[in-house]
Amino acid sequence: MSAVEGTPTVNYKFNRTRTRIVEVIGANATTPVNATVTVKGWARTVRSAAKGKLLFVVLNDGSCAADLQCVVTNDVAGFAEAQPALSGGTGAAYAVTGVVAASEGAGQKVSSSGVLIKS
């Protein structure tokens, strides 16, 4: 079991450890709200908001058709490098570690509030 009691840890070949997006937002999602996860995938969209203080990265890793929206604040290491002009924007590969939160947006159950971002 993972650090969050009751949440299974999936072991991948080559010692990869990450949470697949389907485990966060899929129909049978196993990741609870407030769990810390690392998701990796390709950006569907990347946009800034709040006058450059927030970055919304919509990720897909191919584990399901749905996308996960990651919200990253400007105090996070790597925030500047994750901007679309520097990271490649749509199609760029990202790894985001953050806390799963109940989404405040319409049509979304959860989102991830990023605490670390790499491109």
PDB file of N, CA and C in Angstrom:
ATOM      1  N   MET A   1       0.835  -1.189   0.000  1.00  0.00           N
ATOM      2  CA  MET A   1       0.000   0.000   0.000  1.00  0.00           C
ATOM      3  C   MET A   1       0.875   1.246   0.000  1.00  0.00           C
ATOM      4  N   SER A   2       0.312   2.324  -0.486  1.00  0.00           N
ATOM      5  CA  SER A   2       1.058   3.577  -0.560  1.00  0.00           C
ATOM      6  C   SER A   2       0.994   4.310   0.768  1.00  0.00           C
ATOM      7  N   ALA A   3       1.565   5.510   0.783  1.00  0.00           N
ATOM      8  CA  ALA A   3       1.565   6.320   1.995  1.00  0.00           C
ATOM      9  C   ALA A   3       0.152   6.694   2.415  1.00  0.00           C
ATOM     10  N   VAL A   4      -0.752   6.792   1.460  1.00  0.00           N
ATOM     11  CA  VAL A   4      -2.147   7.087   1.775  1.00  0.00           C
ATOM     12  C   VAL A   4      -2.837   5.749   1.978  1.00  0.00           C
ATOM     13  N   GLU A   5      -3.273   5.474   3.187  1.00  0.00           N
ATOM     14  CA  GLU A   5      -3.864   4.181   3.522  1.00  0.00           C
ATOM     15  C   GLU A   5      -5.028   3.842   2.598  1.00  0.00           C
ATOM     16  N   GLY A   6      -4.991   2.655   2.059  1.00  0.00           N
ATOM     17  CA  GLY A   6      -6.065   2.196   1.199  1.00  0.00           C
ATOM     18  C   GLY A   6      -5.863   2.506  -0.272  1.00  0.00           C
ATOM     19  N   THR A   7      -4.841   3.275  -0.604  1.00  0.00           N
ATOM     20  CA  THR A   7      -4.571   3.597  -2.003  1.00  0.00           C
ATOM     21  C   THR A   7      -3.487   2.666  -2.522  1.00  0.00           C
ATOM     22  N   PRO A   8      -3.794   1.853  -3.523  1.00  0.00           N
ATOM     23  CA  PRO A   8      -2.784   0.919  -4.020  1.00  0.00           C
ATOM     24  C   PRO A   8      -1.666   1.644  -4.762  1.00  0.00           C
ATOM     25  N   THR A   9      -0.466   1.138  -4.625  1.00  0.00           N
ATOM     26  CA  THR A   9       0.670   1.643  -5.368  1.00  0.00           C
ATOM     27  C   THR A   9       0.872   0.729  -6.559  1.00  0.00           C
ATOM     28  N   VAL A  10       0.999   1.316  -7.729  1.00  0.00           N
ATOM     29  CA  VAL A  10       1.202   0.537  -8.933  1.00  0.00           C
ATOM     30  C   VAL A  10       2.696   0.528  -9.239  1.00  0.00           C
ATOM     31  N   ASN A  11       3.259  -0.652  -9.363  1.00  0.00           N
ATOM     32  CA  ASN A  11       4.674  -0.775  -9.694  1.00  0.00           C
ATOM     33  C   ASN A  11       4.805  -0.962 -11.189  1.00  0.00           C
ATOM     34  N   TYR A  12       5.596  -0.142 -11.805  1.00  0.00           N
ATOM     35  CA  TYR A  12       5.788  -0.172 -13.239  1.00  0.00           C
ATOM     36  C   TYR A  12       7.133  -0.788 -13.567  1.00  0.00           C
ATOM     37  N   LYS A  13       7.289  -1.259 -14.790  1.00  0.00           N
ATOM     38  CA  LYS A  13       8.577  -1.756 -15.230  1.00  0.00           C
ATOM     39  C   LYS A  13       9.602  -0.643 -15.124  1.00  0.00           C
ATOM     40  N   PHE A  14      10.850  -1.014 -14.975  1.00  0.00           N
ATOM     41  CA  PHE A  14      11.955  -0.063 -14.895  1.00  0.00           C
ATOM     42  C   PHE A  14      11.840   0.847 -13.673  1.00  0.00           C
ATOM     43  N   ASN A  15      11.181   0.371 -12.638  1.00  0.00           N
ATOM     44  CA  ASN A  15      11.056   1.097 -11.370  1.00  0.00           C
ATOM     45  C   ASN A  15      10.399   2.465 -11.512  1.00  0.00           C
ATOM     46  N   ARG A  16       9.502   2.603 -12.453  1.00  0.00           N
ATOM     47  CA  ARG A  16       8.780   3.865 -12.583  1.00  0.00           C
ATOM     48  C   ARG A  16       7.726   3.937 -11.481  1.00  0.00           C
ATOM     49  N   THR A  17       7.677   5.040 -10.817  1.00  0.00           N
ATOM     50  CA  THR A  17       6.623   5.245  -9.831  1.00  0.00           C
ATOM     51  C   THR A  17       5.972   6.580 -10.120  1.00  0.00           C
ATOM     52  N   ARG A  18       4.738   6.521 -10.483  1.00  0.00           N
ATOM     53  CA  ARG A  18       3.928   7.707 -10.731  1.00  0.00           C
ATOM     54  C   ARG A  18       2.489   7.280 -10.576  1.00  0.00           C
ATOM     55  N   THR A  19       1.619   8.225 -10.520  1.00  0.00           N
ATOM     56  CA  THR A  19       0.192   7.933 -10.480  1.00  0.00           C
ATOM     57  C   THR A  19      -0.355   8.200 -11.869  1.00  0.00           C
ATOM     58  N   ARG A  20      -0.997   7.201 -12.445  1.00  0.00           N
ATOM     59  CA  ARG A  20      -1.602   7.396 -13.755  1.00  0.00           C
ATOM     60  C   ARG A  20      -2.839   8.287 -13.601  1.00  0.00           C
ATOM     61  N   ILE A  21      -3.113   9.081 -14.598  1.00  0.00           N
ATOM     62  CA  ILE A  21      -4.242  10.001 -14.536  1.00  0.00           C
ATOM     63  C   ILE A  21      -5.555   9.254 -14.344  1.00  0.00           C
ATOM     64  N   VAL A  22      -5.688   8.067 -14.915  1.00  0.00           N
ATOM     65  CA  VAL A  22      -6.911   7.284 -14.739  1.00  0.00           C
ATOM     66  C   VAL A  22      -7.135   6.945 -13.264  1.00  0.00           C
ATOM     67  N   GLU A  23      -6.068   6.838 -12.481  1.00  0.00           N
ATOM     68  CA  GLU A  23      -6.180   6.552 -11.059  1.00  0.00           C
ATOM     69  C   GLU A  23      -6.650   7.768 -10.261  1.00  0.00           C
ATOM     70  N   VAL A  24      -6.544   8.944 -10.869  1.00  0.00           N
ATOM     71  CA  VAL A  24      -6.959  10.185 -10.205  1.00  0.00           C
ATOM     72  C   VAL A  24      -8.373  10.590 -10.610  1.00  0.00           C
ATOM     73  N   ILE A  25      -8.690  10.471 -11.913  1.00  0.00           N
ATOM     74  CA  ILE A  25      -9.979  10.984 -12.383  1.00  0.00           C
ATOM     75  C   ILE A  25     -10.816   9.975 -13.143  1.00  0.00           C
ATOM     76  N   GLY A  26     -10.357   8.752 -13.275  1.00  0.00           N
ATOM     77  CA  GLY A  26     -11.122   7.747 -14.015  1.00  0.00           C
ATOM     78  C   GLY A  26     -12.402   7.349 -13.297  1.00  0.00           C
ATOM     79  N   ALA A  27     -13.227   6.583 -13.982  1.00  0.00           N
ATOM     80  CA  ALA A  27     -14.504   6.139 -13.424  1.00  0.00           C
ATOM     81  C   ALA A  27     -14.310   5.362 -12.122  1.00  0.00           C
ATOM     82  N   ASN A  28     -13.234   4.613 -12.025  1.00  0.00           N
ATOM     83  CA  ASN A  28     -12.931   3.841 -10.816  1.00  0.00           C
ATOM     84  C   ASN A  28     -11.687   4.388 -10.123  1.00  0.00           C
ATOM     85  N   ALA A  29     -11.586   5.701 -10.036  1.00  0.00           N
ATOM     86  CA  ALA A  29     -10.409   6.356  -9.465  1.00  0.00           C
ATOM     87  C   ALA A  29     -10.144   5.851  -8.052  1.00  0.00           C
ATOM     88  N   THR A  30      -8.872   5.602  -7.759  1.00  0.00           N
ATOM     89  CA  THR A  30      -8.476   5.088  -6.453  1.00  0.00           C
ATOM     90  C   THR A  30      -7.732   6.108  -5.611  1.00  0.00           C
ATOM     91  N   THR A  31      -7.459   7.277  -6.170  1.00  0.00           N
ATOM     92  CA  THR A  31      -6.689   8.294  -5.459  1.00  0.00           C
ATOM     93  C   THR A  31      -7.630   9.265  -4.762  1.00  0.00           C
ATOM     94  N   PRO A  32      -7.554   9.368  -3.437  1.00  0.00           N
ATOM     95  CA  PRO A  32      -8.463  10.258  -2.713  1.00  0.00           C
ATOM     96  C   PRO A  32      -8.051  11.727  -2.810  1.00  0.00           C
ATOM     97  N   VAL A  33      -9.003  12.608  -2.583  1.00  0.00           N
ATOM     98  CA  VAL A  33      -8.724  14.036  -2.473  1.00  0.00           C
ATOM     99  C   VAL A  33      -7.754  14.220  -1.303  1.00  0.00           C
ATOM    100  N   ASN A  34      -6.845  15.139  -1.429  1.00  0.00           N
ATOM    101  CA  ASN A  34      -5.797  15.473  -0.451  1.00  0.00           C
ATOM    102  C   ASN A  34      -4.595  14.536  -0.500  1.00  0.00           C
ATOM    103  N   ALA A  35      -4.584  13.572  -1.417  1.00  0.00           N
ATOM    104  CA  ALA A  35      -3.411  12.710  -1.569  1.00  0.00           C
ATOM    105  C   ALA A  35      -2.365  13.435  -2.407  1.00  0.00           C
ATOM    106  N   THR A  36      -1.097  13.226  -2.085  1.00  0.00           N
ATOM    107  CA  THR A  36      -0.009  13.779  -2.879  1.00  0.00           C
ATOM    108  C   THR A  36       0.349  12.774  -3.970  1.00  0.00           C
ATOM    109  N   VAL A  37       0.385  13.256  -5.207  1.00  0.00           N
ATOM    110  CA  VAL A  37       0.650  12.382  -6.350  1.00  0.00           C
ATOM    111  C   VAL A  37       1.691  13.021  -7.262  1.00  0.00           C
ATOM    112  N   THR A  38       2.323  12.180  -8.066  1.00  0.00           N
ATOM    113  CA  THR A  38       3.157  12.647  -9.164  1.00  0.00           C
ATOM    114  C   THR A  38       2.531  12.116 -10.434  1.00  0.00           C
ATOM    115  N   VAL A  39       2.147  13.014 -11.314  1.00  0.00           N
ATOM    116  CA  VAL A  39       1.593  12.633 -12.609  1.00  0.00           C
ATOM    117  C   VAL A  39       2.551  13.119 -13.690  1.00  0.00           C
ATOM    118  N   LYS A  40       2.622  12.341 -14.747  1.00  0.00           N
ATOM    119  CA  LYS A  40       3.487  12.696 -15.868  1.00  0.00           C
ATOM    120  C   LYS A  40       2.688  12.527 -17.137  1.00  0.00           C
ATOM    121  N   GLY A  41       2.853  13.451 -18.048  1.00  0.00           N
ATOM    122  CA  GLY A  41       2.124  13.350 -19.299  1.00  0.00           C
ATOM    123  C   GLY A  41       2.469  14.484 -20.234  1.00  0.00           C
ATOM    124  N   TRP A  42       1.659  14.583 -21.267  1.00  0.00           N
ATOM    125  CA  TRP A  42       1.858  15.591 -22.298  1.00  0.00           C
ATOM    126  C   TRP A  42       0.807  16.669 -22.145  1.00  0.00           C
ATOM    127  N   ALA A  43       1.221  17.904 -22.338  1.00  0.00           N
ATOM    128  CA  ALA A  43       0.312  19.037 -22.173  1.00  0.00           C
ATOM    129  C   ALA A  43      -0.674  19.107 -23.338  1.00  0.00           C
ATOM    130  N   ARG A  44      -1.946  19.125 -22.990  1.00  0.00           N
ATOM    131  CA  ARG A  44      -2.982  19.396 -23.991  1.00  0.00           C
ATOM    132  C   ARG A  44      -3.079  20.900 -24.194  1.00  0.00           C
ATOM    133  N   THR A  45      -3.057  21.615 -23.085  1.00  0.00           N
ATOM    134  CA  THR A  45      -3.030  23.084 -23.130  1.00  0.00           C
ATOM    135  C   THR A  45      -2.201  23.591 -21.949  1.00  0.00           C
ATOM    136  N   VAL A  46      -1.603  24.752 -22.128  1.00  0.00           N
ATOM    137  CA  VAL A  46      -0.882  25.442 -21.067  1.00  0.00           C
ATOM    138  C   VAL A  46      -1.272  26.901 -21.177  1.00  0.00           C
ATOM    139  N   ARG A  47      -1.777  27.457 -20.079  1.00  0.00           N
ATOM    140  CA  ARG A  47      -2.145  28.874 -20.119  1.00  0.00           C
ATOM    141  C   ARG A  47      -1.889  29.510 -18.765  1.00  0.00           C
ATOM    142  N   SER A  48      -1.591  30.794 -18.799  1.00  0.00           N
ATOM    143  CA  SER A  48      -1.372  31.521 -17.551  1.00  0.00           C
ATOM    144  C   SER A  48      -2.622  32.325 -17.229  1.00  0.00           C
ATOM    145  N   ALA A  49      -2.757  32.644 -15.960  1.00  0.00           N
ATOM    146  CA  ALA A  49      -3.919  33.402 -15.477  1.00  0.00           C
ATOM    147  C   ALA A  49      -3.479  34.263 -14.302  1.00  0.00           C
ATOM    148  N   ALA A  50      -4.390  35.083 -13.830  1.00  0.00           N
ATOM    149  CA  ALA A  50      -4.155  35.960 -12.680  1.00  0.00           C
ATOM    150  C   ALA A  50      -2.894  36.802 -12.884  1.00  0.00           C
ATOM    151  N   LYS A  51      -2.782  37.381 -14.073  1.00  0.00           N
ATOM    152  CA  LYS A  51      -1.658  38.262 -14.418  1.00  0.00           C
ATOM    153  C   LYS A  51      -0.317  37.558 -14.241  1.00  0.00           C
ATOM    154  N   GLY A  52      -0.257  36.290 -14.671  1.00  0.00           N
ATOM    155  CA  GLY A  52       0.985  35.545 -14.634  1.00  0.00           C
ATOM    156  C   GLY A  52       1.315  34.879 -13.324  1.00  0.00           C
ATOM    157  N   LYS A  53       0.397  34.904 -12.357  1.00  0.00           N
ATOM    158  CA  LYS A  53       0.656  34.293 -11.057  1.00  0.00           C
ATOM    159  C   LYS A  53       0.254  32.824 -11.002  1.00  0.00           C
ATOM    160  N   LEU A  54      -0.547  32.369 -11.950  1.00  0.00           N
ATOM    161  CA  LEU A  54      -0.997  30.980 -12.015  1.00  0.00           C
ATOM    162  C   LEU A  54      -0.705  30.409 -13.389  1.00  0.00           C
ATOM    163  N   LEU A  55      -0.494  29.123 -13.421  1.00  0.00           N
ATOM    164  CA  LEU A  55      -0.319  28.417 -14.679  1.00  0.00           C
ATOM    165  C   LEU A  55      -1.238  27.199 -14.646  1.00  0.00           C
ATOM    166  N   PHE A  56      -2.056  27.054 -15.676  1.00  0.00           N
ATOM    167  CA  PHE A  56      -2.934  25.898 -15.802  1.00  0.00           C
ATOM    168  C   PHE A  56      -2.328  24.978 -16.855  1.00  0.00           C
ATOM    169  N   VAL A  57      -1.970  23.769 -16.443  1.00  0.00           N
ATOM    170  CA  VAL A  57      -1.414  22.776 -17.353  1.00  0.00           C
ATOM    171  C   VAL A  57      -2.403  21.616 -17.397  1.00  0.00           C
ATOM    172  N   VAL A  58      -2.978  21.374 -18.562  1.00  0.00           N
ATOM    173  CA  VAL A  58      -3.912  20.264 -18.733  1.00  0.00           C
ATOM    174  C   VAL A  58      -3.125  19.097 -19.302  1.00  0.00           C
ATOM    175  N   LEU A  59      -3.003  18.019 -18.500  1.00  0.00           N
ATOM    176  CA  LEU A  59      -2.167  16.870 -18.858  1.00  0.00           C
ATOM    177  C   LEU A  59      -2.982  15.658 -19.273  1.00  0.00           C
ATOM    178  N   ASN A  60      -2.394  14.856 -20.157  1.00  0.00           N
ATOM    179  CA  ASN A  60      -2.933  13.549 -20.506  1.00  0.00           C
ATOM    180  C   ASN A  60      -1.758  12.600 -20.624  1.00  0.00           C
ATOM    181  N   ASP A  61      -1.894  11.411 -20.028  1.00  0.00           N
ATOM    182  CA  ASP A  61      -0.804  10.432 -20.084  1.00  0.00           C
ATOM    183  C   ASP A  61      -1.147   9.203 -20.913  1.00  0.00           C
ATOM    184  N   GLY A  62      -2.320   9.201 -21.529  1.00  0.00           N
ATOM    185  CA  GLY A  62      -2.726   8.078 -22.357  1.00  0.00           C
ATOM    186  C   GLY A  62      -3.399   6.957 -21.595  1.00  0.00           C
ATOM    187  N   SER A  63      -3.499   7.072 -20.268  1.00  0.00           N
ATOM    188  CA  SER A  63      -4.124   6.012 -19.486  1.00  0.00           C
ATOM    189  C   SER A  63      -5.645   6.056 -19.577  1.00  0.00           C
ATOM    190  N   CYS A  64      -6.184   7.186 -20.005  1.00  0.00           N
ATOM    191  CA  CYS A  64      -7.625   7.339 -20.220  1.00  0.00           C
ATOM    192  C   CYS A  64      -7.837   8.520 -21.161  1.00  0.00           C
ATOM    193  N   ALA A  65      -9.063   8.691 -21.598  1.00  0.00           N
ATOM    194  CA  ALA A  65      -9.355   9.788 -22.525  1.00  0.00           C
ATOM    195  C   ALA A  65      -9.441  11.137 -21.821  1.00  0.00           C
ATOM    196  N   ALA A  66      -9.661  11.124 -20.523  1.00  0.00           N
ATOM    197  CA  ALA A  66      -9.833  12.365 -19.766  1.00  0.00           C
ATOM    198  C   ALA A  66      -8.487  13.031 -19.487  1.00  0.00           C
ATOM    199  N   ASP A  67      -8.535  14.327 -19.253  1.00  0.00           N
ATOM    200  CA  ASP A  67      -7.354  15.124 -18.947  1.00  0.00           C
ATOM    201  C   ASP A  67      -7.408  15.581 -17.496  1.00  0.00           C
ATOM    202  N   LEU A  68      -6.249  15.815 -16.904  1.00  0.00           N
ATOM    203  CA  LEU A  68      -6.149  16.329 -15.543  1.00  0.00           C
ATOM    204  C   LEU A  68      -5.634  17.754 -15.601  1.00  0.00           C
ATOM    205  N   GLN A  69      -6.356  18.673 -14.966  1.00  0.00           N
ATOM    206  CA  GLN A  69      -5.903  20.053 -14.910  1.00  0.00           C
ATOM    207  C   GLN A  69      -5.023  20.243 -13.688  1.00  0.00           C
ATOM    208  N   CYS A  70      -3.816  20.731 -13.904  1.00  0.00           N
ATOM    209  CA  CYS A  70      -2.876  21.011 -12.824  1.00  0.00           C
ATOM    210  C   CYS A  70      -2.754  22.527 -12.688  1.00  0.00           C
ATOM    211  N   VAL A  71      -2.917  23.007 -11.470  1.00  0.00           N
ATOM    212  CA  VAL A  71      -2.834  24.438 -11.187  1.00  0.00           C
ATOM    213  C   VAL A  71      -1.524  24.676 -10.459  1.00  0.00           C
ATOM    214  N   VAL A  72      -0.686  25.534 -11.037  1.00  0.00           N
ATOM    215  CA  VAL A  72       0.643  25.773 -10.481  1.00  0.00           C
ATOM    216  C   VAL A  72       0.780  27.262 -10.166  1.00  0.00           C
ATOM    217  N   THR A  73       1.241  27.568  -8.961  1.00  0.00           N
ATOM    218  CA  THR A  73       1.422  28.961  -8.559  1.00  0.00           C
ATOM    219  C   THR A  73       2.844  29.416  -8.865  1.00  0.00           C
ATOM    220  N   ASN A  74       3.026  30.727  -8.941  1.00  0.00           N
ATOM    221  CA  ASN A  74       4.318  31.274  -9.358  1.00  0.00           C
ATOM    222  C   ASN A  74       5.428  31.141  -8.320  1.00  0.00           C
ATOM    223  N   ASP A  75       5.128  30.645  -7.136  1.00  0.00           N
ATOM    224  CA  ASP A  75       6.167  30.449  -6.128  1.00  0.00           C
ATOM    225  C   ASP A  75       6.788  29.049  -6.198  1.00  0.00           C
ATOM    226  N   VAL A  76       6.383  28.271  -7.175  1.00  0.00           N
ATOM    227  CA  VAL A  76       6.878  26.909  -7.352  1.00  0.00           C
ATOM    228  C   VAL A  76       8.163  26.921  -8.170  1.00  0.00           C
ATOM    229  N   ALA A  77       9.148  26.129  -7.739  1.00  0.00           N
ATOM    230  CA  ALA A  77      10.395  26.011  -8.504  1.00  0.00           C
ATOM    231  C   ALA A  77      10.071  25.483  -9.893  1.00  0.00           C
ATOM    232  N   GLY A  78      10.609  26.106 -10.910  1.00  0.00           N
ATOM    233  CA  GLY A  78      10.369  25.681 -12.284  1.00  0.00           C
ATOM    234  C   GLY A  78       9.205  26.381 -12.957  1.00  0.00           C
ATOM    235  N   PHE A  79       8.538  27.278 -12.241  1.00  0.00           N
ATOM    236  CA  PHE A  79       7.369  27.964 -12.796  1.00  0.00           C
ATOM    237  C   PHE A  79       7.720  28.737 -14.063  1.00  0.00           C
ATOM    238  N   ALA A  80       8.797  29.482 -14.042  1.00  0.00           N
ATOM    239  CA  ALA A  80       9.181  30.295 -15.210  1.00  0.00           C
ATOM    240  C   ALA A  80       9.482  29.415 -16.419  1.00  0.00           C
ATOM    241  N   GLU A  81      10.173  28.296 -16.175  1.00  0.00           N
ATOM    242  CA  GLU A  81      10.534  27.395 -17.262  1.00  0.00           C
ATOM    243  C   GLU A  81       9.326  26.666 -17.842  1.00  0.00           C
ATOM    244  N   ALA A  82       8.246  26.590 -17.087  1.00  0.00           N
ATOM    245  CA  ALA A  82       7.050  25.876 -17.543  1.00  0.00           C
ATOM    246  C   ALA A  82       6.143  26.743 -18.409  1.00  0.00           C
ATOM    247  N   GLN A  83       6.452  28.019 -18.541  1.00  0.00           N
ATOM    248  CA  GLN A  83       5.656  28.901 -19.385  1.00  0.00           C
ATOM    249  C   GLN A  83       5.671  28.383 -20.821  1.00  0.00           C
ATOM    250  N   PRO A  84       4.564  28.518 -21.544  1.00  0.00           N
ATOM    251  CA  PRO A  84       4.479  27.965 -22.902  1.00  0.00           C
ATOM    252  C   PRO A  84       5.610  28.383 -23.830  1.00  0.00           C
ATOM    253  N   ALA A  85       6.061  29.606 -23.739  1.00  0.00           N
ATOM    254  CA  ALA A  85       7.116  30.086 -24.638  1.00  0.00           C
ATOM    255  C   ALA A  85       8.447  29.378 -24.407  1.00  0.00           C
ATOM    256  N   LEU A  86       8.692  28.916 -23.188  1.00  0.00           N
ATOM    257  CA  LEU A  86       9.962  28.262 -22.864  1.00  0.00           C
ATOM    258  C   LEU A  86       9.879  26.741 -22.869  1.00  0.00           C
ATOM    259  N   SER A  87       8.707  26.193 -22.562  1.00  0.00           N
ATOM    260  CA  SER A  87       8.586  24.737 -22.410  1.00  0.00           C
ATOM    261  C   SER A  87       8.146  24.034 -23.682  1.00  0.00           C
ATOM    262  N   GLY A  88       7.653  24.787 -24.625  1.00  0.00           N
ATOM    263  CA  GLY A  88       7.126  24.167 -25.836  1.00  0.00           C
ATOM    264  C   GLY A  88       5.607  24.151 -25.863  1.00  0.00           C
ATOM    265  N   GLY A  89       4.981  24.463 -24.737  1.00  0.00           N
ATOM    266  CA  GLY A  89       3.517  24.554 -24.685  1.00  0.00           C
ATOM    267  C   GLY A  89       2.826  23.236 -24.967  1.00  0.00           C
ATOM    268  N   THR A  90       1.823  23.259 -25.828  1.00  0.00           N
ATOM    269  CA  THR A  90       1.044  22.075 -26.155  1.00  0.00           C
ATOM    270  C   THR A  90       1.951  20.980 -26.700  1.00  0.00           C
ATOM    271  N   GLY A  91       1.833  19.784 -26.136  1.00  0.00           N
ATOM    272  CA  GLY A  91       2.636  18.646 -26.554  1.00  0.00           C
ATOM    273  C   GLY A  91       3.897  18.443 -25.746  1.00  0.00           C
ATOM    274  N   ALA A  92       4.273  19.425 -24.938  1.00  0.00           N
ATOM    275  CA  ALA A  92       5.471  19.285 -24.106  1.00  0.00           C
ATOM    276  C   ALA A  92       5.223  18.274 -22.998  1.00  0.00           C
ATOM    277  N   ALA A  93       6.266  17.590 -22.565  1.00  0.00           N
ATOM    278  CA  ALA A  93       6.158  16.621 -21.476  1.00  0.00           C
ATOM    279  C   ALA A  93       6.367  17.318 -20.144  1.00  0.00           C
ATOM    280  N   TYR A  94       5.504  17.005 -19.187  1.00  0.00           N
ATOM    281  CA  TYR A  94       5.569  17.587 -17.854  1.00  0.00           C
ATOM    282  C   TYR A  94       5.504  16.488 -16.809  1.00  0.00           C
ATOM    283  N   ALA A  95       6.115  16.742 -15.660  1.00  0.00           N
ATOM    284  CA  ALA A  95       5.936  15.934 -14.456  1.00  0.00           C
ATOM    285  C   ALA A  95       5.484  16.897 -13.375  1.00  0.00           C
ATOM    286  N   VAL A  96       4.361  16.620 -12.769  1.00  0.00           N
ATOM    287  CA  VAL A  96       3.816  17.505 -11.745  1.00  0.00           C
ATOM    288  C   VAL A  96       3.584  16.701 -10.481  1.00  0.00           C
ATOM    289  N   THR A  97       4.121  17.176  -9.385  1.00  0.00           N
ATOM    290  CA  THR A  97       3.859  16.582  -8.079  1.00  0.00           C
ATOM    291  C   THR A  97       3.001  17.568  -7.316  1.00  0.00           C
ATOM    292  N   GLY A  98       1.887  17.086  -6.803  1.00  0.00           N
ATOM    293  CA  GLY A  98       0.993  17.985  -6.099  1.00  0.00           C
ATOM    294  C   GLY A  98      -0.072  17.244  -5.327  1.00  0.00           C
ATOM    295  N   VAL A  99      -0.973  18.003  -4.775  1.00  0.00           N
ATOM    296  CA  VAL A  99      -2.052  17.480  -3.950  1.00  0.00           C
ATOM    297  C   VAL A  99      -3.332  17.466  -4.765  1.00  0.00           C
ATOM    298  N   VAL A 100      -4.017  16.335  -4.746  1.00  0.00           N
ATOM    299  CA  VAL A 100      -5.290  16.219  -5.445  1.00  0.00           C
ATOM    300  C   VAL A 100      -6.326  17.026  -4.663  1.00  0.00           C
ATOM    301  N   ALA A 101      -7.025  17.903  -5.362  1.00  0.00           N
ATOM    302  CA  ALA A 101      -8.017  18.768  -4.723  1.00  0.00           C
ATOM    303  C   ALA A 101      -9.346  18.646  -5.444  1.00  0.00           C
ATOM    304  N   ALA A 102     -10.419  18.847  -4.710  1.00  0.00           N
ATOM    305  CA  ALA A 102     -11.729  18.905  -5.341  1.00  0.00           C
ATOM    306  C   ALA A 102     -11.742  20.123  -6.244  1.00  0.00           C
ATOM    307  N   SER A 103     -12.184  19.951  -7.467  1.00  0.00           N
ATOM    308  CA  SER A 103     -12.145  21.034  -8.434  1.00  0.00           C
ATOM    309  C   SER A 103     -13.236  22.050  -8.159  1.00  0.00           C
ATOM    310  N   GLU A 104     -12.887  23.305  -8.381  1.00  0.00           N
ATOM    311  CA  GLU A 104     -13.871  24.375  -8.262  1.00  0.00           C
ATOM    312  C   GLU A 104     -14.490  24.688  -9.607  1.00  0.00           C
ATOM    313  N   GLY A 105     -13.951  24.086 -10.676  1.00  0.00           N
ATOM    314  CA  GLY A 105     -14.438  24.337 -12.024  1.00  0.00           C
ATOM    315  C   GLY A 105     -15.622  23.456 -12.373  1.00  0.00           C
ATOM    316  N   ALA A 106     -16.447  23.929 -13.286  1.00  0.00           N
ATOM    317  CA  ALA A 106     -17.594  23.162 -13.739  1.00  0.00           C
ATOM    318  C   ALA A 106     -17.138  21.990 -14.596  1.00  0.00           C
ATOM    319  N   GLY A 107     -17.745  20.832 -14.398  1.00  0.00           N
ATOM    320  CA  GLY A 107     -17.466  19.672 -15.221  1.00  0.00           C
ATOM    321  C   GLY A 107     -16.234  18.883 -14.824  1.00  0.00           C
ATOM    322  N   GLN A 108     -15.585  19.248 -13.730  1.00  0.00           N
ATOM    323  CA  GLN A 108     -14.395  18.541 -13.276  1.00  0.00           C
ATOM    324  C   GLN A 108     -14.619  18.081 -11.842  1.00  0.00           C
ATOM    325  N   LYS A 109     -14.233  16.840 -11.561  1.00  0.00           N
ATOM    326  CA  LYS A 109     -14.353  16.344 -10.196  1.00  0.00           C
ATOM    327  C   LYS A 109     -13.173  16.773  -9.347  1.00  0.00           C
ATOM    328  N   VAL A 110     -11.964  16.602  -9.914  1.00  0.00           N
ATOM    329  CA  VAL A 110     -10.757  16.925  -9.169  1.00  0.00           C
ATOM    330  C   VAL A 110      -9.766  17.661 -10.061  1.00  0.00           C
ATOM    331  N   SER A 111      -8.821  18.295  -9.420  1.00  0.00           N
ATOM    332  CA  SER A 111      -7.675  18.881 -10.115  1.00  0.00           C
ATOM    333  C   SER A 111      -6.478  18.675  -9.209  1.00  0.00           C
ATOM    334  N   SER A 112      -5.300  18.942  -9.709  1.00  0.00           N
ATOM    335  CA  SER A 112      -4.096  18.798  -8.919  1.00  0.00           C
ATOM    336  C   SER A 112      -3.489  20.180  -8.712  1.00  0.00           C
ATOM    337  N   SER A 113      -3.223  20.500  -7.471  1.00  0.00           N
ATOM    338  CA  SER A 113      -2.557  21.756  -7.177  1.00  0.00           C
ATOM    339  C   SER A 113      -1.074  21.479  -7.114  1.00  0.00           C
ATOM    340  N   GLY A 114      -0.358  21.876  -8.144  1.00  0.00           N
ATOM    341  CA  GLY A 114       1.055  21.501  -8.279  1.00  0.00           C
ATOM    342  C   GLY A 114       1.956  22.153  -7.257  1.00  0.00           C
ATOM    343  N   VAL A 115       2.870  21.370  -6.750  1.00  0.00           N
ATOM    344  CA  VAL A 115       3.876  21.900  -5.819  1.00  0.00           C
ATOM    345  C   VAL A 115       5.269  21.832  -6.426  1.00  0.00           C
ATOM    346  N   LEU A 116       5.421  21.098  -7.507  1.00  0.00           N
ATOM    347  CA  LEU A 116       6.702  21.036  -8.198  1.00  0.00           C
ATOM    348  C   LEU A 116       6.391  20.743  -9.649  1.00  0.00           C
ATOM    349  N   ILE A 117       7.052  21.429 -10.541  1.00  0.00           N
ATOM    350  CA  ILE A 117       6.793  21.198 -11.948  1.00  0.00           C
ATOM    351  C   ILE A 117       8.106  21.147 -12.706  1.00  0.00           C
ATOM    352  N   LYS A 118       8.191  20.206 -13.613  1.00  0.00           N
ATOM    353  CA  LYS A 118       9.381  20.079 -14.464  1.00  0.00           C
ATOM    354  C   LYS A 118       8.900  19.938 -15.894  1.00  0.00           C
ATOM    355  N   SER A 119       9.644  20.473 -16.806  1.00  0.00           N
ATOM    356  CA  SER A 119       9.273  20.273 -18.206  1.00  0.00           C
ATOM    357  C   SER A 119      10.408  19.598 -18.932  1.00  0.00           C
TER     358      SER A 119
END
